[in-house]
Amino acid sequence: MQLADIISGFGVTFILAAFFLSTFKLIKIDSFLYFILNIIGAGLACYGSILIKSLPFTLLEGIWALVAFIGLIKLLIKTKHTT
């Protein structure tokens, strides 16, 4: 197993954990944990994709991480304004 496989493996584990937890209503899809799991997971998977030079997956995971990051920022702004 190569380094890229290990990094990507951890990344998809974080993404799948977020999906599993939200599917079974253990966390909300607009929760801090959901966004953090997706940001870390997609970021790691993106880095793994860069290491193996896979442009389609690099774009997919990079955009996934960016969208999750934007969602986190929106959540933090919303939380700040409601307190």
PDB file of N, CA and C in Angstrom:
ATOM      1  N   MET A   1       0.853  -1.179   0.000  1.00  0.00           N
ATOM      2  CA  MET A   1       0.000   0.000   0.000  1.00  0.00           C
ATOM      3  C   MET A   1       0.896   1.238   0.000  1.00  0.00           C
ATOM      4  N   GLN A   2       0.554   2.179  -0.854  1.00  0.00           N
ATOM      5  CA  GLN A   2       1.350   3.388  -0.988  1.00  0.00           C
ATOM      6  C   GLN A   2       0.789   4.502  -0.105  1.00  0.00           C
ATOM      7  N   LEU A   3       1.595   5.537   0.089  1.00  0.00           N
ATOM      8  CA  LEU A   3       1.197   6.672   0.914  1.00  0.00           C
ATOM      9  C   LEU A   3      -0.106   7.298   0.417  1.00  0.00           C
ATOM     10  N   ALA A   4      -0.260   7.455  -0.882  1.00  0.00           N
ATOM     11  CA  ALA A   4      -1.483   8.043  -1.451  1.00  0.00           C
ATOM     12  C   ALA A   4      -2.711   7.217  -1.078  1.00  0.00           C
ATOM     13  N   ASP A   5      -2.574   5.903  -1.062  1.00  0.00           N
ATOM     14  CA  ASP A   5      -3.685   5.028  -0.690  1.00  0.00           C
ATOM     15  C   ASP A   5      -4.067   5.227   0.775  1.00  0.00           C
ATOM     16  N   ILE A   6      -3.086   5.364   1.626  1.00  0.00           N
ATOM     17  CA  ILE A   6      -3.348   5.547   3.056  1.00  0.00           C
ATOM     18  C   ILE A   6      -4.030   6.891   3.304  1.00  0.00           C
ATOM     19  N   ILE A   7      -3.495   7.940   2.697  1.00  0.00           N
ATOM     20  CA  ILE A   7      -4.076   9.276   2.868  1.00  0.00           C
ATOM     21  C   ILE A   7      -5.503   9.305   2.332  1.00  0.00           C
ATOM     22  N   SER A   8      -5.699   8.799   1.127  1.00  0.00           N
ATOM     23  CA  SER A   8      -7.045   8.769   0.534  1.00  0.00           C
ATOM     24  C   SER A   8      -7.986   7.890   1.345  1.00  0.00           C
ATOM     25  N   GLY A   9      -7.470   6.789   1.864  1.00  0.00           N
ATOM     26  CA  GLY A   9      -8.285   5.899   2.691  1.00  0.00           C
ATOM     27  C   GLY A   9      -8.818   6.596   3.931  1.00  0.00           C
ATOM     28  N   PHE A  10      -7.946   7.352   4.601  1.00  0.00           N
ATOM     29  CA  PHE A  10      -8.409   8.133   5.752  1.00  0.00           C
ATOM     30  C   PHE A  10      -9.433   9.179   5.317  1.00  0.00           C
ATOM     31  N   GLY A  11      -9.174   9.808   4.168  1.00  0.00           N
ATOM     32  CA  GLY A  11     -10.097  10.828   3.672  1.00  0.00           C
ATOM     33  C   GLY A  11     -11.495  10.287   3.430  1.00  0.00           C
ATOM     34  N   VAL A  12     -11.582   9.189   2.696  1.00  0.00           N
ATOM     35  CA  VAL A  12     -12.912   8.650   2.409  1.00  0.00           C
ATOM     36  C   VAL A  12     -13.572   8.091   3.677  1.00  0.00           C
ATOM     37  N   THR A  13     -12.761   7.673   4.645  1.00  0.00           N
ATOM     38  CA  THR A  13     -13.332   7.219   5.917  1.00  0.00           C
ATOM     39  C   THR A  13     -14.034   8.367   6.628  1.00  0.00           C
ATOM     40  N   PHE A  14     -13.410   9.546   6.632  1.00  0.00           N
ATOM     41  CA  PHE A  14     -14.044  10.724   7.243  1.00  0.00           C
ATOM     42  C   PHE A  14     -15.331  11.099   6.514  1.00  0.00           C
ATOM     43  N   ILE A  15     -15.289  11.081   5.182  1.00  0.00           N
ATOM     44  CA  ILE A  15     -16.479  11.423   4.391  1.00  0.00           C
ATOM     45  C   ILE A  15     -17.595  10.414   4.652  1.00  0.00           C
ATOM     46  N   LEU A  16     -17.258   9.134   4.647  1.00  0.00           N
ATOM     47  CA  LEU A  16     -18.263   8.100   4.896  1.00  0.00           C
ATOM     48  C   LEU A  16     -18.800   8.163   6.323  1.00  0.00           C
ATOM     49  N   ALA A  17     -17.961   8.539   7.265  1.00  0.00           N
ATOM     50  CA  ALA A  17     -18.422   8.699   8.647  1.00  0.00           C
ATOM     51  C   ALA A  17     -19.470   9.807   8.722  1.00  0.00           C
ATOM     52  N   ALA A  18     -19.212  10.925   8.043  1.00  0.00           N
ATOM     53  CA  ALA A  18     -20.185  12.018   8.021  1.00  0.00           C
ATOM     54  C   ALA A  18     -21.495  11.559   7.387  1.00  0.00           C
ATOM     55  N   PHE A  19     -21.394  10.827   6.295  1.00  0.00           N
ATOM     56  CA  PHE A  19     -22.587  10.327   5.603  1.00  0.00           C
ATOM     57  C   PHE A  19     -23.362   9.356   6.490  1.00  0.00           C
ATOM     58  N   PHE A  20     -22.664   8.417   7.096  1.00  0.00           N
ATOM     59  CA  PHE A  20     -23.294   7.437   7.983  1.00  0.00           C
ATOM     60  C   PHE A  20     -23.984   8.131   9.156  1.00  0.00           C
ATOM     61  N   LEU A  21     -23.261   9.010   9.821  1.00  0.00           N
ATOM     62  CA  LEU A  21     -23.827   9.683  11.002  1.00  0.00           C
ATOM     63  C   LEU A  21     -25.049  10.533  10.650  1.00  0.00           C
ATOM     64  N   SER A  22     -25.004  11.194   9.503  1.00  0.00           N
ATOM     65  CA  SER A  22     -26.163  12.005   9.115  1.00  0.00           C
ATOM     66  C   SER A  22     -27.324  11.142   8.639  1.00  0.00           C
ATOM     67  N   THR A  23     -27.045  10.071   7.931  1.00  0.00           N
ATOM     68  CA  THR A  23     -28.101   9.183   7.442  1.00  0.00           C
ATOM     69  C   THR A  23     -28.887   8.572   8.592  1.00  0.00           C
ATOM     70  N   PHE A  24     -28.188   8.195   9.652  1.00  0.00           N
ATOM     71  CA  PHE A  24     -28.853   7.578  10.795  1.00  0.00           C
ATOM     72  C   PHE A  24     -29.215   8.580  11.886  1.00  0.00           C
ATOM     73  N   LYS A  25     -29.239   9.865  11.482  1.00  0.00           N
ATOM     74  CA  LYS A  25     -29.703  10.955  12.361  1.00  0.00           C
ATOM     75  C   LYS A  25     -28.903  11.064  13.652  1.00  0.00           C
ATOM     76  N   LEU A  26     -27.636  10.714  13.593  1.00  0.00           N
ATOM     77  CA  LEU A  26     -26.770  10.852  14.759  1.00  0.00           C
ATOM     78  C   LEU A  26     -26.148  12.246  14.812  1.00  0.00           C
ATOM     79  N   ILE A  27     -26.048  12.887  13.657  1.00  0.00           N
ATOM     80  CA  ILE A  27     -25.666  14.301  13.579  1.00  0.00           C
ATOM     81  C   ILE A  27     -26.526  14.947  12.496  1.00  0.00           C
ATOM     82  N   LYS A  28     -26.658  16.257  12.584  1.00  0.00           N
ATOM     83  CA  LYS A  28     -27.412  17.002  11.574  1.00  0.00           C
ATOM     84  C   LYS A  28     -26.466  17.413  10.444  1.00  0.00           C
ATOM     85  N   ILE A  29     -27.038  17.538   9.247  1.00  0.00           N
ATOM     86  CA  ILE A  29     -26.198  17.908   8.104  1.00  0.00           C
ATOM     87  C   ILE A  29     -25.780  19.377   8.148  1.00  0.00           C
ATOM     88  N   ASP A  30     -26.339  20.130   9.062  1.00  0.00           N
ATOM     89  CA  ASP A  30     -25.895  21.510   9.236  1.00  0.00           C
ATOM     90  C   ASP A  30     -25.157  21.677  10.568  1.00  0.00           C
ATOM     91  N   SER A  31     -24.471  20.614  10.995  1.00  0.00           N
ATOM     92  CA  SER A  31     -23.725  20.670  12.255  1.00  0.00           C
ATOM     93  C   SER A  31     -22.236  20.917  11.996  1.00  0.00           C
ATOM     94  N   PHE A  32     -21.588  21.445  12.998  1.00  0.00           N
ATOM     95  CA  PHE A  32     -20.151  21.697  12.938  1.00  0.00           C
ATOM     96  C   PHE A  32     -19.394  20.408  12.604  1.00  0.00           C
ATOM     97  N   LEU A  33     -19.726  19.310  13.289  1.00  0.00           N
ATOM     98  CA  LEU A  33     -19.032  18.039  13.080  1.00  0.00           C
ATOM     99  C   LEU A  33     -19.184  17.544  11.645  1.00  0.00           C
ATOM    100  N   TYR A  34     -20.368  17.667  11.079  1.00  0.00           N
ATOM    101  CA  TYR A  34     -20.611  17.225   9.706  1.00  0.00           C
ATOM    102  C   TYR A  34     -19.688  17.948   8.727  1.00  0.00           C
ATOM    103  N   PHE A  35     -19.599  19.263   8.872  1.00  0.00           N
ATOM    104  CA  PHE A  35     -18.756  20.035   7.968  1.00  0.00           C
ATOM    105  C   PHE A  35     -17.278  19.729   8.182  1.00  0.00           C
ATOM    106  N   ILE A  36     -16.857  19.598   9.433  1.00  0.00           N
ATOM    107  CA  ILE A  36     -15.449  19.301   9.720  1.00  0.00           C
ATOM    108  C   ILE A  36     -15.055  17.944   9.152  1.00  0.00           C
ATOM    109  N   LEU A  37     -15.896  16.927   9.340  1.00  0.00           N
ATOM    110  CA  LEU A  37     -15.600  15.609   8.784  1.00  0.00           C
ATOM    111  C   LEU A  37     -15.462  15.671   7.263  1.00  0.00           C
ATOM    112  N   ASN A  38     -16.332  16.429   6.612  1.00  0.00           N
ATOM    113  CA  ASN A  38     -16.274  16.547   5.156  1.00  0.00           C
ATOM    114  C   ASN A  38     -15.064  17.350   4.696  1.00  0.00           C
ATOM    115  N   ILE A  39     -14.726  18.414   5.408  1.00  0.00           N
ATOM    116  CA  ILE A  39     -13.556  19.222   5.035  1.00  0.00           C
ATOM    117  C   ILE A  39     -12.282  18.394   5.163  1.00  0.00           C
ATOM    118  N   ILE A  40     -12.112  17.744   6.295  1.00  0.00           N
ATOM    119  CA  ILE A  40     -10.909  16.929   6.500  1.00  0.00           C
ATOM    120  C   ILE A  40     -10.880  15.765   5.515  1.00  0.00           C
ATOM    121  N   GLY A  41     -12.005  15.077   5.387  1.00  0.00           N
ATOM    122  CA  GLY A  41     -12.060  13.920   4.497  1.00  0.00           C
ATOM    123  C   GLY A  41     -11.796  14.277   3.053  1.00  0.00           C
ATOM    124  N   ALA A  42     -12.481  15.293   2.565  1.00  0.00           N
ATOM    125  CA  ALA A  42     -12.290  15.692   1.169  1.00  0.00           C
ATOM    126  C   ALA A  42     -10.896  16.268   0.951  1.00  0.00           C
ATOM    127  N   GLY A  43     -10.389  16.976   1.947  1.00  0.00           N
ATOM    128  CA  GLY A  43      -9.035  17.511   1.827  1.00  0.00           C
ATOM    129  C   GLY A  43      -7.998  16.410   1.713  1.00  0.00           C
ATOM    130  N   LEU A  44      -8.119  15.390   2.555  1.00  0.00           N
ATOM    131  CA  LEU A  44      -7.182  14.263   2.485  1.00  0.00           C
ATOM    132  C   LEU A  44      -7.338  13.497   1.171  1.00  0.00           C
ATOM    133  N   ALA A  45      -8.575  13.254   0.771  1.00  0.00           N
ATOM    134  CA  ALA A  45      -8.811  12.536  -0.488  1.00  0.00           C
ATOM    135  C   ALA A  45      -8.291  13.351  -1.675  1.00  0.00           C
ATOM    136  N   CYS A  46      -8.435  14.661  -1.609  1.00  0.00           N
ATOM    137  CA  CYS A  46      -7.918  15.535  -2.670  1.00  0.00           C
ATOM    138  C   CYS A  46      -6.401  15.431  -2.731  1.00  0.00           C
ATOM    139  N   TYR A  47      -5.754  15.480  -1.587  1.00  0.00           N
ATOM    140  CA  TYR A  47      -4.295  15.375  -1.553  1.00  0.00           C
ATOM    141  C   TYR A  47      -3.842  14.007  -2.099  1.00  0.00           C
ATOM    142  N   GLY A  48      -4.541  12.956  -1.714  1.00  0.00           N
ATOM    143  CA  GLY A  48      -4.219  11.631  -2.246  1.00  0.00           C
ATOM    144  C   GLY A  48      -4.381  11.577  -3.753  1.00  0.00           C
ATOM    145  N   SER A  49      -5.410  12.258  -4.257  1.00  0.00           N
ATOM    146  CA  SER A  49      -5.633  12.307  -5.707  1.00  0.00           C
ATOM    147  C   SER A  49      -4.536  13.081  -6.420  1.00  0.00           C
ATOM    148  N   ILE A  50      -4.042  14.122  -5.759  1.00  0.00           N
ATOM    149  CA  ILE A  50      -2.918  14.877  -6.332  1.00  0.00           C
ATOM    150  C   ILE A  50      -1.684  13.978  -6.426  1.00  0.00           C
ATOM    151  N   LEU A  51      -1.446  13.200  -5.378  1.00  0.00           N
ATOM    152  CA  LEU A  51      -0.274  12.319  -5.359  1.00  0.00           C
ATOM    153  C   LEU A  51      -0.290  11.292  -6.486  1.00  0.00           C
ATOM    154  N   ILE A  52      -1.489  10.819  -6.856  1.00  0.00           N
ATOM    155  CA  ILE A  52      -1.560   9.835  -7.945  1.00  0.00           C
ATOM    156  C   ILE A  52      -1.861  10.486  -9.297  1.00  0.00           C
ATOM    157  N   LYS A  53      -1.901  11.819  -9.286  1.00  0.00           N
ATOM    158  CA  LYS A  53      -2.113  12.595 -10.516  1.00  0.00           C
ATOM    159  C   LYS A  53      -3.437  12.261 -11.204  1.00  0.00           C
ATOM    160  N   SER A  54      -4.501  12.205 -10.403  1.00  0.00           N
ATOM    161  CA  SER A  54      -5.832  11.937 -10.945  1.00  0.00           C
ATOM    162  C   SER A  54      -6.635  13.240 -10.940  1.00  0.00           C
ATOM    163  N   LEU A  55      -6.629  13.936 -12.059  1.00  0.00           N
ATOM    164  CA  LEU A  55      -7.281  15.238 -12.150  1.00  0.00           C
ATOM    165  C   LEU A  55      -8.781  15.188 -11.836  1.00  0.00           C
ATOM    166  N   PRO A  56      -9.540  14.226 -12.378  1.00  0.00           N
ATOM    167  CA  PRO A  56     -10.981  14.224 -12.072  1.00  0.00           C
ATOM    168  C   PRO A  56     -11.266  14.117 -10.571  1.00  0.00           C
ATOM    169  N   PHE A  57     -10.552  13.243  -9.875  1.00  0.00           N
ATOM    170  CA  PHE A  57     -10.797  13.092  -8.446  1.00  0.00           C
ATOM    171  C   PHE A  57     -10.228  14.261  -7.646  1.00  0.00           C
ATOM    172  N   THR A  58      -9.160  14.855  -8.133  1.00  0.00           N
ATOM    173  CA  THR A  58      -8.635  16.051  -7.478  1.00  0.00           C
ATOM    174  C   THR A  58      -9.681  17.162  -7.531  1.00  0.00           C
ATOM    175  N   LEU A  59     -10.289  17.354  -8.697  1.00  0.00           N
ATOM    176  CA  LEU A  59     -11.341  18.369  -8.829  1.00  0.00           C
ATOM    177  C   LEU A  59     -12.547  18.038  -7.955  1.00  0.00           C
ATOM    178  N   LEU A  60     -12.980  16.795  -8.003  1.00  0.00           N
ATOM    179  CA  LEU A  60     -14.140  16.376  -7.207  1.00  0.00           C
ATOM    180  C   LEU A  60     -13.914  16.640  -5.725  1.00  0.00           C
ATOM    181  N   GLU A  61     -12.815  16.142  -5.214  1.00  0.00           N
ATOM    182  CA  GLU A  61     -12.551  16.269  -3.781  1.00  0.00           C
ATOM    183  C   GLU A  61     -12.214  17.696  -3.387  1.00  0.00           C
ATOM    184  N   GLY A  62     -11.535  18.420  -4.255  1.00  0.00           N
ATOM    185  CA  GLY A  62     -11.242  19.824  -3.975  1.00  0.00           C
ATOM    186  C   GLY A  62     -12.504  20.656  -3.885  1.00  0.00           C
ATOM    187  N   ILE A  63     -13.416  20.439  -4.817  1.00  0.00           N
ATOM    188  CA  ILE A  63     -14.695  21.166  -4.789  1.00  0.00           C
ATOM    189  C   ILE A  63     -15.512  20.732  -3.581  1.00  0.00           C
ATOM    190  N   TRP A  64     -15.488  19.453  -3.261  1.00  0.00           N
ATOM    191  CA  TRP A  64     -16.202  18.934  -2.083  1.00  0.00           C
ATOM    192  C   TRP A  64     -15.707  19.642  -0.819  1.00  0.00           C
ATOM    193  N   ALA A  65     -14.398  19.740  -0.670  1.00  0.00           N
ATOM    194  CA  ALA A  65     -13.816  20.407   0.503  1.00  0.00           C
ATOM    195  C   ALA A  65     -14.188  21.889   0.525  1.00  0.00           C
ATOM    196  N   LEU A  66     -14.158  22.532  -0.627  1.00  0.00           N
ATOM    197  CA  LEU A  66     -14.498  23.952  -0.713  1.00  0.00           C
ATOM    198  C   LEU A  66     -15.958  24.199  -0.333  1.00  0.00           C
ATOM    199  N   VAL A  67     -16.852  23.379  -0.859  1.00  0.00           N
ATOM    200  CA  VAL A  67     -18.276  23.533  -0.541  1.00  0.00           C
ATOM    201  C   VAL A  67     -18.522  23.295   0.950  1.00  0.00           C
ATOM    202  N   ALA A  68     -17.869  22.284   1.510  1.00  0.00           N
ATOM    203  CA  ALA A  68     -18.004  22.015   2.945  1.00  0.00           C
ATOM    204  C   ALA A  68     -17.457  23.181   3.766  1.00  0.00           C
ATOM    205  N   PHE A  69     -16.357  23.766   3.319  1.00  0.00           N
ATOM    206  CA  PHE A  69     -15.775  24.914   4.015  1.00  0.00           C
ATOM    207  C   PHE A  69     -16.726  26.110   3.972  1.00  0.00           C
ATOM    208  N   ILE A  70     -17.325  26.357   2.826  1.00  0.00           N
ATOM    209  CA  ILE A  70     -18.300  27.443   2.704  1.00  0.00           C
ATOM    210  C   ILE A  70     -19.494  27.178   3.622  1.00  0.00           C
ATOM    211  N   GLY A  71     -19.955  25.926   3.670  1.00  0.00           N
ATOM    212  CA  GLY A  71     -21.048  25.564   4.570  1.00  0.00           C
ATOM    213  C   GLY A  71     -20.686  25.819   6.021  1.00  0.00           C
ATOM    214  N   LEU A  72     -19.449  25.508   6.398  1.00  0.00           N
ATOM    215  CA  LEU A  72     -18.993  25.754   7.772  1.00  0.00           C
ATOM    216  C   LEU A  72     -18.978  27.248   8.074  1.00  0.00           C
ATOM    217  N   ILE A  73     -18.487  28.047   7.150  1.00  0.00           N
ATOM    218  CA  ILE A  73     -18.453  29.500   7.343  1.00  0.00           C
ATOM    219  C   ILE A  73     -19.868  30.039   7.514  1.00  0.00           C
ATOM    220  N   LYS A  74     -20.797  29.582   6.656  1.00  0.00           N
ATOM    221  CA  LYS A  74     -22.193  30.005   6.774  1.00  0.00           C
ATOM    222  C   LYS A  74     -22.775  29.619   8.128  1.00  0.00           C
ATOM    223  N   LEU A  75     -22.455  28.412   8.598  1.00  0.00           N
ATOM    224  CA  LEU A  75     -22.935  27.959   9.904  1.00  0.00           C
ATOM    225  C   LEU A  75     -22.372  28.834  11.019  1.00  0.00           C
ATOM    226  N   LEU A  76     -21.085  29.151  10.948  1.00  0.00           N
ATOM    227  CA  LEU A  76     -20.465  29.984  11.985  1.00  0.00           C
ATOM    228  C   LEU A  76     -21.056  31.393  11.988  1.00  0.00           C
ATOM    229  N   ILE A  77     -21.327  31.946  10.804  1.00  0.00           N
ATOM    230  CA  ILE A  77     -21.946  33.274  10.713  1.00  0.00           C
ATOM    231  C   ILE A  77     -23.356  33.224  11.289  1.00  0.00           C
ATOM    232  N   LYS A  78     -24.104  32.203  10.921  1.00  0.00           N
ATOM    233  CA  LYS A  78     -25.475  32.038  11.430  1.00  0.00           C
ATOM    234  C   LYS A  78     -25.472  31.893  12.954  1.00  0.00           C
ATOM    235  N   THR A  79     -24.550  31.098  13.477  1.00  0.00           N
ATOM    236  CA  THR A  79     -24.451  30.879  14.920  1.00  0.00           C
ATOM    237  C   THR A  79     -24.082  32.170  15.626  1.00  0.00           C
ATOM    238  N   LYS A  80     -23.179  32.955  15.030  1.00  0.00           N
ATOM    239  CA  LYS A  80     -22.740  34.215  15.621  1.00  0.00           C
ATOM    240  C   LYS A  80     -23.896  35.211  15.700  1.00  0.00           C
ATOM    241  N   HIS A  81     -24.734  35.233  14.694  1.00  0.00           N
ATOM    242  CA  HIS A  81     -25.840  36.192  14.647  1.00  0.00           C
ATOM    243  C   HIS A  81     -27.022  35.791  15.530  1.00  0.00           C
ATOM    244  N   THR A  82     -27.117  34.516  15.885  1.00  0.00           N
ATOM    245  CA  THR A  82     -28.240  34.070  16.710  1.00  0.00           C
ATOM    246  C   THR A  82     -27.924  34.104  18.203  1.00  0.00           C
ATOM    247  N   THR A  83     -26.666  34.366  18.547  1.00  0.00           N
ATOM    248  CA  THR A  83     -26.322  34.417  19.977  1.00  0.00           C
ATOM    249  C   THR A  83     -26.185  35.833  20.462  1.00  0.00           C
TER     250      THR A  83
END
